[in-house]
Amino acid sequence: MRIWQKLFGTHTEHNSYKNHIASVENSCVCKTNDQLLQALQSAHNQYVIKGIKRVLMSRGFTRKELEGIEQTIH
């Protein structure tokens, strides 16, 4: 029984993680790049940071640029 709980338990946690990031992405879509960069500077939650980064990458920012911005912040 424990094996089954471990197999199915990880999927639930992973789905929760993806749902949280998707929720952040959906709320960030209507914001400007400047607003998102300000939100990235003030964010401390890993889900929020990842969601904002995904939106900015979809708008043309590179990972290298975003990591550089994040390093100057923290």
C-alpha atoms as a PDB file:
ATOM      1  CA  MET A   1       0.000   0.000   0.000  1.00  0.00           C
ATOM      2  CA  ARG A   2       2.811   2.450   0.760  1.00  0.00           C
ATOM      3  CA  ILE A   3       4.264   2.073  -2.722  1.00  0.00           C
ATOM      4  CA  TRP A   4       0.973   3.142  -4.263  1.00  0.00           C
ATOM      5  CA  GLN A   5       0.722   6.106  -1.919  1.00  0.00           C
ATOM      6  CA  LYS A   6       4.211   7.246  -2.878  1.00  0.00           C
ATOM      7  CA  LEU A   7       3.505   6.899  -6.591  1.00  0.00           C
ATOM      8  CA  PHE A   8       0.245   8.806  -6.521  1.00  0.00           C
ATOM      9  CA  GLY A   9       1.273  11.305  -3.837  1.00  0.00           C
ATOM     10  CA  THR A  10       4.066  12.800  -5.923  1.00  0.00           C
ATOM     11  CA  HIS A  11       1.736  13.468  -8.841  1.00  0.00           C
ATOM     12  CA  THR A  12      -0.615  15.441  -6.616  1.00  0.00           C
ATOM     13  CA  GLU A  13       2.206  17.596  -5.275  1.00  0.00           C
ATOM     14  CA  HIS A  14       3.607  18.181  -8.755  1.00  0.00           C
ATOM     15  CA  ASN A  15       0.179  19.143 -10.103  1.00  0.00           C
ATOM     16  CA  SER A  16      -0.324  21.567  -7.227  1.00  0.00           C
ATOM     17  CA  TYR A  17       3.020  23.181  -8.050  1.00  0.00           C
ATOM     18  CA  LYS A  18       2.112  23.542 -11.737  1.00  0.00           C
ATOM     19  CA  ASN A  19      -1.355  24.887 -10.907  1.00  0.00           C
ATOM     20  CA  HIS A  20       0.099  27.556  -8.652  1.00  0.00           C
ATOM     21  CA  ILE A  21       2.557  28.717 -11.322  1.00  0.00           C
ATOM     22  CA  ALA A  22      -0.205  28.746 -13.955  1.00  0.00           C
ATOM     23  CA  SER A  23      -2.351  30.861 -11.640  1.00  0.00           C
ATOM     24  CA  VAL A  24       0.461  33.403 -11.286  1.00  0.00           C
ATOM     25  CA  GLU A  25       0.966  33.435 -15.052  1.00  0.00           C
ATOM     26  CA  ASN A  26      -2.725  34.119 -15.643  1.00  0.00           C
ATOM     27  CA  SER A  27      -2.771  37.056 -13.254  1.00  0.00           C
ATOM     28  CA  CYS A  28       0.405  38.537 -14.775  1.00  0.00           C
ATOM     29  CA  VAL A  29      -0.712  38.445 -18.399  1.00  0.00           C
ATOM     30  CA  CYS A  30      -2.473  41.812 -18.331  1.00  0.00           C
ATOM     31  CA  LYS A  31       0.460  43.661 -16.722  1.00  0.00           C
ATOM     32  CA  THR A  32       3.171  45.589 -18.548  1.00  0.00           C
ATOM     33  CA  ASN A  33       6.795  44.480 -18.596  1.00  0.00           C
ATOM     34  CA  ASP A  34       7.741  47.285 -16.195  1.00  0.00           C
ATOM     35  CA  GLN A  35       5.061  46.201 -13.739  1.00  0.00           C
ATOM     36  CA  LEU A  36       6.249  42.601 -13.974  1.00  0.00           C
ATOM     37  CA  LEU A  37       9.873  43.588 -13.392  1.00  0.00           C
ATOM     38  CA  GLN A  38       8.827  45.553 -10.300  1.00  0.00           C
ATOM     39  CA  ALA A  39       6.800  42.569  -9.089  1.00  0.00           C
ATOM     40  CA  LEU A  40       9.805  40.304  -9.689  1.00  0.00           C
ATOM     41  CA  GLN A  41      11.938  42.599  -7.549  1.00  0.00           C
ATOM     42  CA  SER A  42       9.502  42.456  -4.643  1.00  0.00           C
ATOM     43  CA  ALA A  43       8.586  38.743  -4.944  1.00  0.00           C
ATOM     44  CA  HIS A  44       9.881  36.267  -2.386  1.00  0.00           C
ATOM     45  CA  ASN A  45       7.740  33.215  -3.175  1.00  0.00           C
ATOM     46  CA  GLN A  46       9.382  30.745  -5.571  1.00  0.00           C
ATOM     47  CA  TYR A  47       6.101  30.076  -7.388  1.00  0.00           C
ATOM     48  CA  VAL A  48       5.485  33.759  -8.005  1.00  0.00           C
ATOM     49  CA  ILE A  49       9.045  34.302  -9.229  1.00  0.00           C
ATOM     50  CA  LYS A  50       8.842  31.361 -11.621  1.00  0.00           C
ATOM     51  CA  GLY A  51       5.432  32.454 -12.956  1.00  0.00           C
ATOM     52  CA  ILE A  52       6.608  36.024 -13.581  1.00  0.00           C
ATOM     53  CA  LYS A  53       9.743  34.745 -15.307  1.00  0.00           C
ATOM     54  CA  ARG A  54       7.666  32.552 -17.617  1.00  0.00           C
ATOM     55  CA  VAL A  55       5.496  35.483 -18.653  1.00  0.00           C
ATOM     56  CA  LEU A  56       8.541  37.684 -19.273  1.00  0.00           C
ATOM     57  CA  MET A  57      10.232  34.927 -21.301  1.00  0.00           C
ATOM     58  CA  SER A  58       7.114  34.602 -23.433  1.00  0.00           C
ATOM     59  CA  ARG A  59       7.466  38.341 -24.125  1.00  0.00           C
ATOM     60  CA  GLY A  60      11.028  38.059 -25.398  1.00  0.00           C
ATOM     61  CA  PHE A  61      13.257  38.184 -22.333  1.00  0.00           C
ATOM     62  CA  THR A  62      16.005  35.574 -22.169  1.00  0.00           C
ATOM     63  CA  ARG A  63      16.828  33.429 -19.151  1.00  0.00           C
ATOM     64  CA  LYS A  64      20.215  35.077 -18.951  1.00  0.00           C
ATOM     65  CA  GLU A  65      18.642  38.546 -18.748  1.00  0.00           C
ATOM     66  CA  LEU A  66      16.188  37.439 -16.072  1.00  0.00           C
ATOM     67  CA  GLU A  67      18.870  35.725 -14.013  1.00  0.00           C
ATOM     68  CA  GLY A  68      20.969  38.883 -14.234  1.00  0.00           C
ATOM     69  CA  ILE A  69      18.029  40.962 -13.032  1.00  0.00           C
ATOM     70  CA  GLU A  70      17.321  38.526 -10.214  1.00  0.00           C
ATOM     71  CA  GLN A  71      20.957  38.521  -9.065  1.00  0.00           C
ATOM     72  CA  THR A  72      21.045  42.318  -8.861  1.00  0.00           C
ATOM     73  CA  ILE A  73      17.889  42.214  -6.729  1.00  0.00           C
ATOM     74  CA  HIS A  74      18.786  39.478  -4.253  1.00  0.00           C
END
